[in-house]
Every structure is written in structure tokens, then in C-alpha cells.
C-alpha atoms as a PDB file:
ATOM      1  CA  UNK A   1    -119.479  70.587 -48.252  1.00  0.00           C
ATOM      2  CA  UNK A   2    -115.673  70.458 -48.132  1.00  0.00           C
ATOM      3  CA  UNK A   3    -113.875  68.196 -50.551  1.00  0.00           C
ATOM      4  CA  UNK A   4    -112.382  65.124 -48.885  1.00  0.00           C
ATOM      5  CA  UNK A   5    -108.610  65.329 -48.595  1.00  0.00           C
ATOM      6  CA  UNK A   6    -106.514  62.475 -49.981  1.00  0.00           C
ATOM      7  CA  UNK A   7    -104.939  61.845 -46.597  1.00  0.00           C
ATOM      8  CA  UNK A   8    -104.478  63.337 -43.183  1.00  0.00           C
ATOM      9  CA  UNK A   9    -101.811  65.939 -42.610  1.00  0.00           C
ATOM     10  CA  UNK A  10     -98.499  64.568 -41.325  1.00  0.00           C
ATOM     11  CA  UNK A  11     -98.402  64.411 -37.533  1.00  0.00           C
ATOM     12  CA  UNK A  12     -95.364  66.713 -37.362  1.00  0.00           C
ATOM     13  CA  UNK A  13     -97.296  69.417 -39.211  1.00  0.00           C
ATOM     14  CA  UNK A  14    -100.328  68.959 -36.953  1.00  0.00           C
ATOM     15  CA  UNK A  15     -98.077  69.189 -33.891  1.00  0.00           C
ATOM     16  CA  UNK A  16     -96.514  72.405 -35.226  1.00  0.00           C
ATOM     17  CA  UNK A  17    -100.025  73.823 -35.803  1.00  0.00           C
ATOM     18  CA  UNK A  18    -100.871  73.127 -32.170  1.00  0.00           C
ATOM     19  CA  UNK A  19     -97.642  74.557 -30.836  1.00  0.00           C
ATOM     20  CA  UNK A  20     -97.386  77.579 -33.164  1.00  0.00           C
ATOM     21  CA  UNK A  21    -100.913  78.246 -34.457  1.00  0.00           C
ATOM     22  CA  UNK A  22    -100.277  81.852 -35.506  1.00  0.00           C
ATOM     23  CA  UNK A  23     -97.182  80.978 -37.505  1.00  0.00           C
ATOM     24  CA  UNK A  24     -98.804  78.067 -39.322  1.00  0.00           C
ATOM     25  CA  UNK A  25    -101.965  80.077 -40.023  1.00  0.00           C
ATOM     26  CA  UNK A  26     -99.846  82.868 -41.534  1.00  0.00           C
ATOM     27  CA  UNK A  27     -97.915  80.310 -43.605  1.00  0.00           C
ATOM     28  CA  UNK A  28    -101.154  78.824 -44.945  1.00  0.00           C
ATOM     29  CA  UNK A  29    -102.523  82.293 -45.814  1.00  0.00           C
ATOM     30  CA  UNK A  30     -99.258  83.051 -47.647  1.00  0.00           C
ATOM     31  CA  UNK A  31     -99.648  79.865 -49.687  1.00  0.00           C
ATOM     32  CA  UNK A  32    -103.225  80.767 -50.606  1.00  0.00           C
ATOM     33  CA  UNK A  33    -102.157  84.268 -51.651  1.00  0.00           C
ATOM     34  CA  UNK A  34     -99.463  82.799 -53.891  1.00  0.00           C
ATOM     35  CA  UNK A  35    -101.997  80.467 -55.530  1.00  0.00           C
ATOM     36  CA  UNK A  36    -104.311  83.405 -56.291  1.00  0.00           C
ATOM     37  CA  UNK A  37    -101.495  85.620 -57.620  1.00  0.00           C
ATOM     38  CA  UNK A  38    -101.496  84.261 -61.163  1.00  0.00           C
ATOM     39  CA  UNK A  39    -103.409  82.579 -63.948  1.00  0.00           C
ATOM     40  CA  UNK A  40    -102.356  78.936 -63.467  1.00  0.00           C
ATOM     41  CA  UNK A  41    -105.127  76.444 -62.800  1.00  0.00           C
ATOM     42  CA  UNK A  42    -105.057  74.427 -59.583  1.00  0.00           C
ATOM     43  CA  UNK A  43    -103.914  71.350 -61.555  1.00  0.00           C
ATOM     44  CA  UNK A  44    -101.112  73.298 -63.242  1.00  0.00           C
ATOM     45  CA  UNK A  45    -100.042  74.761 -59.904  1.00  0.00           C
ATOM     46  CA  UNK A  46     -99.876  71.274 -58.402  1.00  0.00           C
ATOM     47  CA  UNK A  47     -97.731  69.973 -61.277  1.00  0.00           C
ATOM     48  CA  UNK A  48     -95.371  72.947 -60.952  1.00  0.00           C
ATOM     49  CA  UNK A  49     -95.070  72.440 -57.194  1.00  0.00           C
ATOM     50  CA  UNK A  50     -94.422  68.720 -57.736  1.00  0.00           C
ATOM     51  CA  UNK A  51     -91.657  69.501 -60.213  1.00  0.00           C
ATOM     52  CA  UNK A  52     -90.097  72.026 -57.839  1.00  0.00           C
ATOM     53  CA  UNK A  53     -90.121  69.513 -54.992  1.00  0.00           C
ATOM     54  CA  UNK A  54     -88.554  66.874 -57.231  1.00  0.00           C
ATOM     55  CA  UNK A  55     -85.887  69.262 -58.509  1.00  0.00           C
ATOM     56  CA  UNK A  56     -84.994  70.409 -55.001  1.00  0.00           C
ATOM     57  CA  UNK A  57     -84.749  66.738 -53.945  1.00  0.00           C
ATOM     58  CA  UNK A  58     -87.141  67.276 -51.049  1.00  0.00           C
ATOM     59  CA  UNK A  59     -88.909  64.078 -50.019  1.00  0.00           C
ATOM     60  CA  UNK A  60     -91.377  65.694 -47.609  1.00  0.00           C
ATOM     61  CA  UNK A  61     -92.282  68.429 -50.068  1.00  0.00           C
ATOM     62  CA  UNK A  62     -92.722  65.805 -52.795  1.00  0.00           C
ATOM     63  CA  UNK A  63     -95.057  63.764 -50.596  1.00  0.00           C
ATOM     64  CA  UNK A  64     -97.018  66.925 -49.814  1.00  0.00           C
ATOM     65  CA  UNK A  65     -97.178  67.854 -53.505  1.00  0.00           C
ATOM     66  CA  UNK A  66     -98.513  64.386 -54.353  1.00  0.00           C
ATOM     67  CA  UNK A  67    -101.206  64.607 -51.643  1.00  0.00           C
ATOM     68  CA  UNK A  68    -102.236  68.046 -52.879  1.00  0.00           C
ATOM     69  CA  UNK A  69    -102.088  66.818 -56.472  1.00  0.00           C
ATOM     70  CA  UNK A  70    -104.559  64.063 -55.638  1.00  0.00           C
ATOM     71  CA  UNK A  71    -106.810  66.666 -54.013  1.00  0.00           C
ATOM     72  CA  UNK A  72    -106.601  68.708 -57.259  1.00  0.00           C
ATOM     73  CA  UNK A  73    -107.678  65.638 -59.277  1.00  0.00           C
ATOM     74  CA  UNK A  74    -104.285  64.779 -60.704  1.00  0.00           C
ATOM     75  CA  UNK A  75    -104.147  61.087 -61.464  1.00  0.00           C
ATOM     76  CA  UNK A  76    -101.353  59.036 -59.935  1.00  0.00           C
ATOM     77  CA  UNK A  77    -100.245  58.183 -63.469  1.00  0.00           C
ATOM     78  CA  UNK A  78     -99.839  61.888 -64.295  1.00  0.00           C
ATOM     79  CA  UNK A  79     -97.619  62.406 -61.275  1.00  0.00           C
ATOM     80  CA  UNK A  80     -95.649  59.265 -62.096  1.00  0.00           C
ATOM     81  CA  UNK A  81     -95.105  60.726 -65.572  1.00  0.00           C
ATOM     82  CA  UNK A  82     -93.687  63.880 -63.956  1.00  0.00           C
ATOM     83  CA  UNK A  83     -91.277  61.662 -62.020  1.00  0.00           C
ATOM     84  CA  UNK A  84     -90.271  59.880 -65.223  1.00  0.00           C
ATOM     85  CA  UNK A  85     -89.593  63.227 -66.891  1.00  0.00           C
ATOM     86  CA  UNK A  86     -87.228  64.031 -64.019  1.00  0.00           C
ATOM     87  CA  UNK A  87     -84.942  61.226 -65.208  1.00  0.00           C
ATOM     88  CA  UNK A  88     -83.616  63.192 -68.180  1.00  0.00           C
ATOM     89  CA  UNK A  89     -83.142  66.400 -66.170  1.00  0.00           C
ATOM     90  CA  UNK A  90     -82.113  65.222 -62.707  1.00  0.00           C
ATOM     91  CA  UNK A  91     -80.638  61.844 -63.612  1.00  0.00           C
ATOM     92  CA  UNK A  92     -82.045  58.345 -63.755  1.00  0.00           C
ATOM     93  CA  UNK A  93     -81.501  57.442 -60.120  1.00  0.00           C
ATOM     94  CA  UNK A  94     -83.093  60.654 -58.851  1.00  0.00           C
ATOM     95  CA  UNK A  95     -86.021  60.200 -61.228  1.00  0.00           C
ATOM     96  CA  UNK A  96     -86.518  56.722 -59.788  1.00  0.00           C
ATOM     97  CA  UNK A  97     -86.465  58.257 -56.306  1.00  0.00           C
ATOM     98  CA  UNK A  98     -89.155  60.737 -57.396  1.00  0.00           C
ATOM     99  CA  UNK A  99     -91.230  57.852 -58.745  1.00  0.00           C
ATOM    100  CA  UNK A 100     -90.952  56.146 -55.358  1.00  0.00           C
ATOM    101  CA  UNK A 101     -92.040  59.345 -53.599  1.00  0.00           C
ATOM    102  CA  UNK A 102     -95.187  59.466 -55.759  1.00  0.00           C
ATOM    103  CA  UNK A 103     -95.935  55.821 -55.076  1.00  0.00           C
ATOM    104  CA  UNK A 104     -95.307  56.256 -51.325  1.00  0.00           C
ATOM    105  CA  UNK A 105     -98.406  58.437 -51.201  1.00  0.00           C
ATOM    106  CA  UNK A 106    -100.592  57.000 -53.960  1.00  0.00           C
ATOM    107  CA  UNK A 107    -100.196  53.400 -52.845  1.00  0.00           C
ATOM    108  CA  UNK A 108    -100.765  54.353 -49.194  1.00  0.00           C
ATOM    109  CA  UNK A 109    -104.037  55.971 -50.281  1.00  0.00           C
ATOM    110  CA  UNK A 110    -105.029  53.021 -52.455  1.00  0.00           C
ATOM    111  CA  UNK A 111    -104.711  54.975 -55.711  1.00  0.00           C
ATOM    112  CA  UNK A 112    -102.451  52.971 -57.996  1.00  0.00           C
ATOM    113  CA  UNK A 113    -100.978  54.846 -60.914  1.00  0.00           C
ATOM    114  CA  UNK A 114    -100.556  52.217 -63.588  1.00  0.00           C
ATOM    115  CA  UNK A 115    -103.899  52.462 -65.359  1.00  0.00           C
ATOM    116  CA  UNK A 116    -104.209  56.146 -66.237  1.00  0.00           C
ATOM    117  CA  UNK A 117    -106.608  58.533 -64.527  1.00  0.00           C
ATOM    118  CA  UNK A 118    -108.241  57.382 -61.331  1.00  0.00           C
END
């Protein structure tokens, strides 16, 4: 039985899948190959991807990384901590933005991050 996803894919992504199925299928296979290319656990991969999205200041990628983090059993609080860590590297205001991006997804999915692991 497939594991339940934390939320549905964004409609723009679904529309692109319908319009360009070969391209999106190839993109997804590429992502899977990258995940299998090294020793990092799924949780570690999700934290790395979240940090990359934060550092690149990409809202959509950050939302995606949070959704995938939830699917990999990262707690909202863990991802909020990653956003807090961004404050000393990226600046306070950008770290606060990252925190909002985490909460955009976790609060939409009913998974509050204030009390530790879900």
C-alpha cells in the first residue's frame, strides 16, 4: 500500500504533467536517480533539499521540500528549526520568511510545529 502524501501536488505541476507527460516523467526519474546516488537517508536528503530551497530563496521549492519532508516523517518543528538556523546565515528577515514557508504547508495540512515531533 502506498504511503499517503502530505498534500496534493500543486495544480500547476499537475497541469504540466498532463501537457508534457514525457518531460515530467523524465524529471521525476532524474530526481529518483539522484536520491539513490549516495548514502544519505531520506530524512537527511529532505533536510538538505529544504536548506537548498531556503538558501536559494525559492518559495515554491521550499513549499515542495516541506511537503516532501512531511512525507519522509520530518516533524514540522524540525523544519521550523531549519528555518531558524537560516537566520544566522541568510539574515533574520529571510529566516523569518523561511519559517513562514514551512508554516504555509504545515498549517494547511493541520500539522502544527510548536510541540515537537508530530
